Amino acid sequence: MLTPRVIPCLLLSRGGGLVKTTKFMRPKYVGDPINAVRIFNEKEVDELMVLDIDASKEKRGPDFSLIDQLAGECFMPLCYGGGIRDMADVKVLFNLGVEKVSLQSVTAHNPNPESVTSW
């Protein structure tokens, strides 16, 4: 029998705060992401996903300073998505301690799979 995995997804908005949304609209501030990571450490979740929902729309890259802080607090595998434009961003994220990346906009603008894997 398969055991369920618990993988919370935290949504970041401009300014680096955690938000709750309805269909990614009308973000409502709900707290500090570092504190949320500490709570999920205590709950011993299996993995954590962090998505910056405004980065691509605002045409800005990942907030590497915040991601470094998150990875330093996180005791489970960390996945990050938002504002990733090229392989250089991915390499920086991996060097900061992120184990997985979530790609959406970059693949939507260039849906050719070879273009992403050949970065």
N, C-alpha and C. Protein backbone atom coordinates (compact mmCIF):
# COMPACT_ATOMS: atom_id res chain seq x y z
N MET A 1 0.83 -1.18 0.00
CA MET A 1 0.00 0.00 0.00
C MET A 1 0.88 1.25 0.00
N LEU A 2 0.52 2.20 -0.82
CA LEU A 2 1.27 3.45 -0.91
C LEU A 2 0.95 4.34 0.29
N THR A 3 1.99 4.96 0.81
CA THR A 3 1.76 5.91 1.90
C THR A 3 1.64 7.31 1.31
N PRO A 4 0.71 8.09 1.81
CA PRO A 4 0.55 9.45 1.27
C PRO A 4 1.74 10.32 1.63
N ARG A 5 2.05 11.23 0.75
CA ARG A 5 3.11 12.22 1.00
C ARG A 5 2.46 13.57 1.22
N VAL A 6 2.98 14.30 2.16
CA VAL A 6 2.47 15.63 2.45
C VAL A 6 3.44 16.65 1.87
N ILE A 7 2.98 17.44 0.87
CA ILE A 7 3.81 18.42 0.19
C ILE A 7 3.06 19.75 0.16
N PRO A 8 3.25 20.58 1.19
CA PRO A 8 2.58 21.89 1.17
C PRO A 8 3.18 22.79 0.09
N CYS A 9 2.35 23.67 -0.43
CA CYS A 9 2.79 24.64 -1.42
C CYS A 9 2.57 26.04 -0.85
N LEU A 10 3.67 26.77 -0.68
CA LEU A 10 3.61 28.13 -0.17
C LEU A 10 3.66 29.11 -1.33
N LEU A 11 2.77 30.08 -1.32
CA LEU A 11 2.73 31.08 -2.38
C LEU A 11 3.33 32.38 -1.88
N LEU A 12 4.35 32.86 -2.59
CA LEU A 12 4.98 34.14 -2.27
C LEU A 12 4.43 35.19 -3.21
N SER A 13 4.33 36.40 -2.69
CA SER A 13 3.93 37.52 -3.52
C SER A 13 5.01 38.59 -3.44
N ARG A 14 4.86 39.66 -4.19
CA ARG A 14 5.87 40.72 -4.17
C ARG A 14 6.16 41.13 -2.73
N GLY A 15 7.39 41.38 -2.45
CA GLY A 15 7.79 41.71 -1.10
C GLY A 15 8.18 40.49 -0.28
N GLY A 16 7.97 39.30 -0.81
CA GLY A 16 8.40 38.08 -0.14
C GLY A 16 7.48 37.56 0.94
N GLY A 17 6.26 38.07 1.05
CA GLY A 17 5.33 37.57 2.05
C GLY A 17 4.51 36.41 1.53
N LEU A 18 4.05 35.56 2.45
CA LEU A 18 3.16 34.46 2.08
C LEU A 18 1.77 35.00 1.84
N VAL A 19 1.10 34.47 0.83
CA VAL A 19 -0.26 34.91 0.53
C VAL A 19 -1.17 33.71 0.33
N LYS A 20 -2.45 33.95 0.52
CA LYS A 20 -3.49 33.00 0.17
C LYS A 20 -4.27 33.63 -0.95
N THR A 21 -4.61 32.85 -1.95
CA THR A 21 -5.32 33.40 -3.10
C THR A 21 -6.53 32.54 -3.44
N THR A 22 -7.37 33.09 -4.29
CA THR A 22 -8.44 32.34 -4.91
C THR A 22 -8.16 32.37 -6.40
N LYS A 23 -7.79 31.23 -6.96
CA LYS A 23 -7.41 31.13 -8.38
C LYS A 23 -6.31 32.13 -8.72
N PHE A 24 -5.34 32.30 -7.80
CA PHE A 24 -4.20 33.19 -7.95
C PHE A 24 -4.61 34.65 -8.10
N MET A 25 -5.79 35.00 -7.66
CA MET A 25 -6.27 36.38 -7.70
C MET A 25 -6.50 36.85 -6.27
N ARG A 26 -6.50 38.14 -6.07
CA ARG A 26 -6.75 38.79 -4.78
C ARG A 26 -5.89 38.19 -3.67
N PRO A 27 -4.57 38.32 -3.76
CA PRO A 27 -3.72 37.76 -2.72
C PRO A 27 -3.95 38.44 -1.38
N LYS A 28 -4.01 37.63 -0.34
CA LYS A 28 -4.19 38.13 1.03
C LYS A 28 -2.98 37.69 1.84
N TYR A 29 -2.29 38.64 2.43
CA TYR A 29 -1.09 38.35 3.22
C TYR A 29 -1.46 37.46 4.41
N VAL A 30 -0.68 36.37 4.59
CA VAL A 30 -0.95 35.45 5.70
C VAL A 30 0.25 35.23 6.60
N GLY A 31 1.42 35.75 6.25
CA GLY A 31 2.54 35.59 7.17
C GLY A 31 3.91 35.58 6.52
N ASP A 32 4.87 35.26 7.37
CA ASP A 32 6.28 35.23 7.02
C ASP A 32 6.67 33.83 6.52
N PRO A 33 7.31 33.72 5.36
CA PRO A 33 7.65 32.40 4.84
C PRO A 33 8.66 31.64 5.70
N ILE A 34 9.59 32.34 6.35
CA ILE A 34 10.57 31.67 7.19
C ILE A 34 9.87 30.99 8.37
N ASN A 35 8.92 31.68 8.97
CA ASN A 35 8.15 31.10 10.07
C ASN A 35 7.36 29.88 9.60
N ALA A 36 6.78 29.96 8.40
CA ALA A 36 6.02 28.83 7.85
C ALA A 36 6.92 27.62 7.65
N VAL A 37 8.15 27.83 7.17
CA VAL A 37 9.09 26.72 6.99
C VAL A 37 9.39 26.07 8.33
N ARG A 38 9.58 26.88 9.36
CA ARG A 38 9.84 26.33 10.70
C ARG A 38 8.67 25.48 11.19
N ILE A 39 7.45 25.94 10.94
CA ILE A 39 6.27 25.18 11.34
C ILE A 39 6.22 23.85 10.60
N PHE A 40 6.49 23.87 9.28
CA PHE A 40 6.45 22.62 8.51
C PHE A 40 7.60 21.70 8.89
N ASN A 41 8.73 22.25 9.35
CA ASN A 41 9.80 21.40 9.89
C ASN A 41 9.28 20.62 11.09
N GLU A 42 8.59 21.30 11.99
CA GLU A 42 8.04 20.65 13.18
C GLU A 42 7.01 19.60 12.82
N LYS A 43 6.24 19.85 11.78
CA LYS A 43 5.21 18.90 11.34
C LYS A 43 5.80 17.74 10.55
N GLU A 44 7.08 17.84 10.22
CA GLU A 44 7.80 16.80 9.48
C GLU A 44 7.11 16.43 8.16
N VAL A 45 6.80 17.48 7.38
CA VAL A 45 6.23 17.22 6.05
C VAL A 45 7.29 16.58 5.16
N ASP A 46 6.86 15.96 4.08
CA ASP A 46 7.77 15.21 3.21
C ASP A 46 8.57 16.09 2.27
N GLU A 47 8.01 17.19 1.87
CA GLU A 47 8.65 18.08 0.90
C GLU A 47 7.96 19.42 0.99
N LEU A 48 8.59 20.46 0.50
CA LEU A 48 7.99 21.79 0.53
C LEU A 48 8.15 22.44 -0.83
N MET A 49 7.08 23.04 -1.33
CA MET A 49 7.12 23.73 -2.61
C MET A 49 6.85 25.21 -2.35
N VAL A 50 7.68 26.07 -2.91
CA VAL A 50 7.54 27.51 -2.77
C VAL A 50 7.42 28.10 -4.17
N LEU A 51 6.33 28.83 -4.41
CA LEU A 51 6.09 29.45 -5.71
C LEU A 51 5.94 30.95 -5.55
N ASP A 52 6.73 31.71 -6.29
CA ASP A 52 6.59 33.16 -6.33
C ASP A 52 5.61 33.46 -7.46
N ILE A 53 4.38 33.76 -7.09
CA ILE A 53 3.32 33.86 -8.10
C ILE A 53 3.35 35.16 -8.89
N ASP A 54 4.17 36.13 -8.48
CA ASP A 54 4.24 37.41 -9.19
C ASP A 54 5.50 37.57 -10.03
N ALA A 55 6.50 36.73 -9.83
CA ALA A 55 7.81 36.94 -10.46
C ALA A 55 7.73 36.99 -11.99
N SER A 56 7.14 36.00 -12.60
CA SER A 56 7.09 35.97 -14.07
C SER A 56 6.23 37.10 -14.62
N LYS A 57 5.11 37.34 -13.96
CA LYS A 57 4.21 38.40 -14.42
C LYS A 57 4.90 39.77 -14.35
N GLU A 58 5.72 39.97 -13.32
CA GLU A 58 6.43 41.23 -13.16
C GLU A 58 7.79 41.23 -13.85
N LYS A 59 8.08 40.14 -14.58
CA LYS A 59 9.33 39.99 -15.33
C LYS A 59 10.57 40.20 -14.45
N ARG A 60 10.55 39.58 -13.27
CA ARG A 60 11.72 39.64 -12.40
C ARG A 60 12.14 38.22 -12.06
N GLY A 61 13.40 38.09 -11.73
CA GLY A 61 13.94 36.78 -11.40
C GLY A 61 13.63 36.38 -9.97
N PRO A 62 14.10 35.21 -9.59
CA PRO A 62 13.90 34.74 -8.22
C PRO A 62 14.60 35.64 -7.21
N ASP A 63 14.04 35.73 -6.02
CA ASP A 63 14.66 36.48 -4.91
C ASP A 63 15.64 35.53 -4.23
N PHE A 64 16.88 35.51 -4.74
CA PHE A 64 17.87 34.55 -4.26
C PHE A 64 18.19 34.72 -2.78
N SER A 65 18.12 35.93 -2.27
CA SER A 65 18.38 36.17 -0.85
C SER A 65 17.34 35.46 0.01
N LEU A 66 16.08 35.62 -0.33
CA LEU A 66 15.00 34.96 0.40
C LEU A 66 15.10 33.44 0.26
N ILE A 67 15.39 32.97 -0.95
CA ILE A 67 15.49 31.53 -1.18
C ILE A 67 16.63 30.94 -0.36
N ASP A 68 17.73 31.67 -0.25
CA ASP A 68 18.86 31.22 0.58
C ASP A 68 18.43 31.07 2.04
N GLN A 69 17.66 32.02 2.54
CA GLN A 69 17.14 31.94 3.90
C GLN A 69 16.19 30.76 4.07
N LEU A 70 15.30 30.56 3.10
CA LEU A 70 14.35 29.45 3.16
C LEU A 70 15.08 28.10 3.15
N ALA A 71 16.05 27.97 2.25
CA ALA A 71 16.80 26.70 2.14
C ALA A 71 17.60 26.45 3.41
N GLY A 72 18.08 27.50 4.05
CA GLY A 72 18.83 27.34 5.29
C GLY A 72 17.98 26.86 6.44
N GLU A 73 16.70 27.17 6.42
CA GLU A 73 15.77 26.75 7.48
C GLU A 73 15.10 25.41 7.19
N CYS A 74 15.07 25.02 5.92
CA CYS A 74 14.28 23.88 5.48
C CYS A 74 15.00 22.55 5.72
N PHE A 75 14.35 21.63 6.45
CA PHE A 75 14.93 20.32 6.72
C PHE A 75 14.30 19.22 5.88
N MET A 76 13.65 19.59 4.80
CA MET A 76 13.05 18.63 3.88
C MET A 76 13.39 19.08 2.46
N PRO A 77 13.19 18.21 1.46
CA PRO A 77 13.46 18.65 0.08
C PRO A 77 12.63 19.89 -0.26
N LEU A 78 13.28 20.83 -0.95
CA LEU A 78 12.66 22.10 -1.29
C LEU A 78 12.56 22.25 -2.80
N CYS A 79 11.38 22.60 -3.27
CA CYS A 79 11.14 22.89 -4.69
C CYS A 79 10.80 24.37 -4.79
N TYR A 80 11.36 25.05 -5.80
CA TYR A 80 11.08 26.47 -5.99
C TYR A 80 10.62 26.71 -7.42
N GLY A 81 9.68 27.63 -7.58
CA GLY A 81 9.23 28.05 -8.89
C GLY A 81 8.90 29.53 -8.88
N GLY A 82 9.13 30.19 -9.99
CA GLY A 82 8.78 31.60 -10.11
C GLY A 82 9.93 32.44 -10.61
N GLY A 83 9.81 32.98 -11.80
CA GLY A 83 10.81 33.89 -12.34
C GLY A 83 12.05 33.22 -12.90
N ILE A 84 12.06 31.91 -12.99
CA ILE A 84 13.23 31.20 -13.52
C ILE A 84 13.24 31.37 -15.03
N ARG A 85 14.32 31.98 -15.53
CA ARG A 85 14.37 32.31 -16.96
C ARG A 85 15.36 31.48 -17.75
N ASP A 86 16.39 30.97 -17.08
CA ASP A 86 17.42 30.24 -17.83
C ASP A 86 18.15 29.28 -16.89
N MET A 87 19.07 28.55 -17.46
CA MET A 87 19.82 27.55 -16.71
C MET A 87 20.70 28.20 -15.64
N ALA A 88 21.14 29.42 -15.86
CA ALA A 88 21.95 30.10 -14.84
C ALA A 88 21.14 30.28 -13.56
N ASP A 89 19.86 30.63 -13.67
CA ASP A 89 19.00 30.73 -12.49
C ASP A 89 18.87 29.38 -11.79
N VAL A 90 18.71 28.33 -12.58
CA VAL A 90 18.57 26.99 -12.02
C VAL A 90 19.83 26.59 -11.26
N LYS A 91 20.99 26.87 -11.82
CA LYS A 91 22.25 26.53 -11.15
C LYS A 91 22.40 27.27 -9.84
N VAL A 92 22.04 28.56 -9.82
CA VAL A 92 22.11 29.33 -8.57
C VAL A 92 21.17 28.72 -7.54
N LEU A 93 19.96 28.37 -7.95
CA LEU A 93 19.00 27.76 -7.03
C LEU A 93 19.53 26.46 -6.44
N PHE A 94 20.11 25.61 -7.29
CA PHE A 94 20.67 24.35 -6.80
C PHE A 94 21.82 24.61 -5.83
N ASN A 95 22.64 25.60 -6.12
CA ASN A 95 23.76 25.95 -5.23
C ASN A 95 23.27 26.49 -3.89
N LEU A 96 22.09 27.09 -3.85
CA LEU A 96 21.53 27.60 -2.61
C LEU A 96 20.91 26.49 -1.75
N GLY A 97 20.69 25.31 -2.35
CA GLY A 97 20.12 24.21 -1.58
C GLY A 97 18.76 23.75 -2.05
N VAL A 98 18.23 24.37 -3.09
CA VAL A 98 16.97 23.93 -3.67
C VAL A 98 17.22 22.61 -4.40
N GLU A 99 16.35 21.63 -4.19
CA GLU A 99 16.55 20.32 -4.81
C GLU A 99 15.78 20.13 -6.10
N LYS A 100 14.69 20.88 -6.27
CA LYS A 100 13.87 20.77 -7.48
C LYS A 100 13.47 22.17 -7.91
N VAL A 101 13.21 22.33 -9.21
CA VAL A 101 12.68 23.58 -9.71
C VAL A 101 11.38 23.29 -10.44
N SER A 102 10.48 24.24 -10.38
CA SER A 102 9.20 24.15 -11.08
C SER A 102 9.22 25.18 -12.20
N LEU A 103 9.09 24.71 -13.42
CA LEU A 103 9.12 25.60 -14.59
C LEU A 103 7.72 25.69 -15.18
N GLN A 104 7.26 26.90 -15.42
CA GLN A 104 5.96 27.07 -16.03
C GLN A 104 6.04 28.08 -17.17
N SER A 105 6.23 29.35 -16.86
CA SER A 105 6.18 30.39 -17.89
C SER A 105 7.24 30.21 -18.95
N VAL A 106 8.45 29.84 -18.55
CA VAL A 106 9.53 29.68 -19.52
C VAL A 106 9.19 28.56 -20.51
N THR A 107 8.49 27.54 -20.07
CA THR A 107 8.11 26.46 -20.98
C THR A 107 6.87 26.82 -21.79
N ALA A 108 6.01 27.67 -21.23
CA ALA A 108 4.82 28.10 -21.96
C ALA A 108 5.20 29.01 -23.13
N HIS A 109 6.22 29.85 -22.93
CA HIS A 109 6.65 30.76 -24.00
C HIS A 109 7.45 30.04 -25.08
N ASN A 110 8.05 28.91 -24.73
CA ASN A 110 8.80 28.12 -25.69
C ASN A 110 8.52 26.65 -25.41
N PRO A 111 7.41 26.11 -25.93
CA PRO A 111 6.97 24.76 -25.58
C PRO A 111 7.82 23.63 -26.16
N ASN A 112 8.85 23.94 -26.92
CA ASN A 112 9.71 22.91 -27.49
C ASN A 112 10.53 22.27 -26.36
N PRO A 113 10.29 21.00 -26.01
CA PRO A 113 10.99 20.38 -24.87
C PRO A 113 12.50 20.38 -25.03
N GLU A 114 13.01 20.30 -26.24
CA GLU A 114 14.46 20.27 -26.44
C GLU A 114 15.09 21.61 -26.03
N SER A 115 14.34 22.70 -26.16
CA SER A 115 14.91 24.00 -25.82
C SER A 115 15.14 24.13 -24.31
N VAL A 116 14.29 23.53 -23.50
CA VAL A 116 14.46 23.59 -22.05
C VAL A 116 15.55 22.65 -21.60
N THR A 117 15.57 21.43 -22.12
CA THR A 117 16.57 20.46 -21.69
C THR A 117 17.95 20.77 -22.22
N SER A 118 18.04 21.60 -23.24
CA SER A 118 19.37 21.92 -23.80
C SER A 118 19.95 23.20 -23.22
N TRP A 119 19.31 23.78 -22.23
CA TRP A 119 19.86 24.99 -21.62
C TRP A 119 21.28 24.75 -21.34
